Amino acid sequence: MARQVLVLATRAQREENPIPGHDATKLPTLRDIFYSVEFHEREIFEMLGVYFDGHPDNRRLLLPEDWADLPPLRKDFAIKGR
């Protein structure tokens, strides 16, 4: 039995001066093709600020819904107190 691994990668435009809570980075969703990416896309939206057009449920998983700062895994996120 042969096993195959599928790897997808893309580049996305990113704004030079991000506005917290209003990220302009958008990609089309893959949920209609691969149902299992639903939570992965939600996590990427929440932690990296990439919005997926066409995703049926772009709610946050871990952060509060009213999060008004940059996504915490972006390199330009400033850790307060350091």
Protein backbone atom coordinates (compact mmCIF):
# COMPACT_ATOMS: atom_id res chain seq x y z
CA MET A 1 0.00 0.00 0.00
CA ALA A 2 1.46 3.35 -1.05
CA ARG A 3 1.20 6.34 1.23
CA GLN A 4 1.27 9.88 -0.01
CA VAL A 5 1.71 13.18 1.77
CA LEU A 6 0.27 16.38 0.32
CA VAL A 7 1.94 19.64 1.30
CA LEU A 8 0.45 23.01 0.36
CA ALA A 9 2.25 26.33 0.65
CA THR A 10 1.42 29.84 -0.47
CA ARG A 11 2.52 33.42 -0.03
CA ALA A 12 0.12 36.10 1.14
CA GLN A 13 0.27 39.87 0.89
CA ARG A 14 0.80 41.60 4.22
CA GLU A 15 0.36 45.24 5.09
CA GLU A 16 3.39 47.27 6.14
CA ASN A 17 1.57 49.05 8.99
CA PRO A 18 -0.99 46.60 10.38
CA ILE A 19 -4.07 47.91 12.15
CA PRO A 20 -4.78 45.67 15.15
CA GLY A 21 -7.99 43.73 14.69
CA HIS A 22 -8.34 44.69 11.01
CA ASP A 23 -5.80 42.55 9.17
CA ALA A 24 -5.95 42.75 5.40
CA THR A 25 -4.23 39.41 4.74
CA LYS A 26 -6.76 37.14 2.99
CA LEU A 27 -6.61 33.74 1.35
CA PRO A 28 -9.36 31.54 -0.12
CA THR A 29 -10.52 28.74 2.15
CA LEU A 30 -9.74 25.09 1.46
CA ARG A 31 -12.59 23.85 3.65
CA ASP A 32 -14.82 22.95 0.69
CA ILE A 33 -12.08 20.64 -0.61
CA PHE A 34 -10.61 19.37 2.68
CA TYR A 35 -13.17 19.47 5.49
CA SER A 36 -10.45 18.71 8.06
CA VAL A 37 -8.83 22.16 7.64
CA GLU A 38 -11.72 23.93 9.37
CA PHE A 39 -10.05 24.24 12.78
CA HIS A 40 -6.58 24.77 11.30
CA GLU A 41 -7.84 27.78 9.33
CA ARG A 42 -9.55 29.16 12.42
CA GLU A 43 -6.31 28.81 14.38
CA ILE A 44 -4.29 30.53 11.64
CA PHE A 45 -6.85 33.35 11.56
CA GLU A 46 -6.60 33.77 15.31
CA MET A 47 -2.85 33.42 15.85
CA LEU A 48 -1.42 34.87 12.61
CA GLY A 49 -4.20 37.17 11.38
CA VAL A 50 -4.86 35.49 8.02
CA TYR A 51 -8.56 35.75 7.10
CA PHE A 52 -9.97 32.92 4.95
CA ASP A 53 -12.58 34.11 2.43
CA GLY A 54 -15.47 31.68 2.22
CA HIS A 55 -14.81 30.00 5.55
CA PRO A 56 -18.19 29.42 7.24
CA ASP A 57 -16.98 30.00 10.82
CA ASN A 58 -14.27 32.64 11.28
CA ARG A 59 -14.64 32.84 15.06
CA ARG A 60 -11.78 32.74 17.52
CA LEU A 61 -10.86 29.52 19.33
CA LEU A 62 -8.62 30.64 22.23
CA LEU A 63 -8.48 34.44 22.31
CA PRO A 64 -11.45 36.57 23.36
CA GLU A 65 -13.76 37.64 20.50
CA ASP A 66 -12.98 41.30 21.23
CA TRP A 67 -9.19 40.82 20.86
CA ALA A 68 -7.99 44.21 19.60
CA ASP A 69 -4.25 43.68 19.28
CA LEU A 70 -2.04 42.10 16.66
CA PRO A 71 -2.24 38.29 16.42
CA PRO A 72 0.14 36.86 19.03
CA LEU A 73 2.27 34.66 16.75
CA ARG A 74 3.21 37.43 14.32
CA LYS A 75 6.77 38.67 14.53
CA ASP A 76 5.64 42.29 14.96
CA PHE A 77 3.54 41.45 18.06
CA ALA A 78 5.13 43.27 21.02
CA ILE A 79 5.17 41.33 24.27
CA LYS A 80 4.08 43.83 26.89
CA GLY A 81 6.31 44.14 29.94
CA ARG A 82 9.54 43.12 28.21
